[in-house]
């Protein structure tokens, strides 16, 4: 059985322990110790990282009554040896801030919304809480966030103890527990909540610094709230402040006018896109008419329209081709050197031609990429010089 030193003191970073078991799996040393400061992956909280005898601890898992330490590489210790370990304090304190913040929010979700916490997940960057489905909006979230930060500012003590250590618990447990009292570890925030939890926590709410809800999702079966605490919230604010400042410089406006400027630019962009698409449609129809009038010919009984452009996208070539084959019975071979060397092949359904099979053959001959259906196909190639060769090769295969 591994003694959990982090339950006695979340702030303890260094420790000595005896090796109970040692194993080696997939390039990692696995140690079971008689005691440890390393918190395992459990209860939605990330495990601690750090070092044992100078070797990096990359994962910590709890199985039964033992805690398994996964160490990168082969560590030269054996069963019965005494080792020295040290957790990464910055990582530990971050986890303490996030987990204590979750307790504050979960208590408020019950108090204000009557919604119990279904699950908590601490990610490397963002933390989430799932509650029974409820309709969330900006006002509701801002109210909860404000109340959470008032709890932080009031510097309430956070107690961590086993239930058996206290004859009575000052608050009713947030969740009913099946464990025996001597196994039940309690986290209590004075006047806020009292619940069973095996995680690591701050000594008081002031150490959380700030709680910031950064997003929420209204789903059918549940609602998910994303949040950050402490250093994570500060880092997020600094990043968003930098982005906002850069955007303000770009739009040559103050931060307070930035939202209006972005909305204005978005509307203008939509107008220009609509105008561009109308012009593009006119251009496509113009090209179709030009090809019909000047590039139509017959080869061995097949009506053919073919042309090689200097610059046209595959999308434009496809739209031109479909206009032509829908208007009359014909084969359409179009190509362009830029922006990427491409050849397209389209044919009317009445013609006994399989565009996809023919294009597949040409692609294999010229080391291209692409494909298509019986009536439409496209091939992309690496070199501009290949386009003319493919263009000529396609004409020979079809005609």
Foldseek 3Di string as FASTA:
>chain_A
DEAAVCLVPVQDFKDKWFWAAWDADPQWIKTWTNYDPWDAPDQQFHIWWWDKQNFTFDHWHDDDPTIITTTHHDDPDHGGDMIMIGTDNVSSLQRQLVVVLVLQLQLVCCVPVVWHWPGWHDDPQKIKTKTFFDDDDDVVVVVSQVVSVVQLVVWWFKDKAQQVVDPDDPDDAPDDDPDDSRPFIWIDGPPRHIHTDDGRHDGTSPSQVGKDFDDKDRDDGIIMTMIGTDPSVVVVVVVVVVVLVVQCVVQVHDSVCSVVSVVVVVVVVVVVVVVVVVVLVVVLVVVLVCQVVPQWDDDPRATEGEDEEAEDDPVSVVSSQVVNLVVDFHWYWYFYPPPFTKIKIFGHPVDPFQRQVLVVVLCVVQVWDWGDGRGIIMTTHHHSVVNVVSSVVSVVVVD
